Amino acid sequence: MEASYDGSISGSAGMSTGNDNANASLEVSAKTGTVVSVQAGLDGNNVYVGGSYSDTTEAHLTVTGEAGYAGVGGSGSVDTYVKSGTEAELNITAGQNGIAAEAGASIGNAAGVDAKGTINLREASVTAGAGVSIGEHFEAGAGGEATFKDGKATVGVSGELAAIVGVDVDVSVTVDTMQIQKDAVVVASTTTHAADVVVKEAPKAINTAVHETAKVGNTIANESKKAAKKAKKFFHL
């Protein structure tokens, strides 16, 4: 189920550049008016419900970029904005993949900057964000999640409290358990091969060690006899 009302006017313009391994883009956007939406329903075995209200006039300058190769890379974005008005939002998802919830509200006039960066590896990705704003406004929000979907486990926390000057910090970590399983198979195969080599080479190593030990023992015995003879001569025994 979804219902919405959009009484806003908006516009945007942008440009982008890049190649197979990296790209960057810049966008300028503006919006004024009231937007209201409500959503509820099922996504597989997960239930979700959410709602938002916005009556603002705002303008944004957003720059994004990303680069990567062979499953390793990173991305980042910076959003500079000015905003005036009222906003409120609530979103909840719960089901077989876990639970995630987020809520927030703001009112007043503000100017600020938000930034977010992500580092991607084959087994995991880490996302962190931070923002700061200033103006005659009040803003509060918090969120958290612990979810598991398609072999990926994600744990995240976020929170903010702003009055005149605001600070926002978010951190989320996603671990690809499927990739870990694949890597574990490789490690297990390598370990098994190494164990086979050890089993085959162990008798040889033991025989060599026994032989060398016997040689050292004979050498010590011979030297001891020589030393004893010299001692007898020295003391005229």
Foldseek 3Di string as FASTA:
>chain_A
DKDKDDPKDKDKDKDKDDDPFKIKMKMKMWMAAKMWMWDWDDDPFKTKTKIKIWGKTKIKIKMKMWGDDPFWIKIKMKIWMKMAAKMWMWMWMDGPFWIKIKIKIKHGIKTKMKMKMKTTHNFKIKIKIKMKMADQMWMWMWMWIFGADPQKTKTWIWIWTDGRMIMTIIIMMIGRRVVVVVVVVVVVVVVVVVVVVCVVCVVVVVVVVVVVVVVVVVVVVVVVVVVVVVVCVVVVD
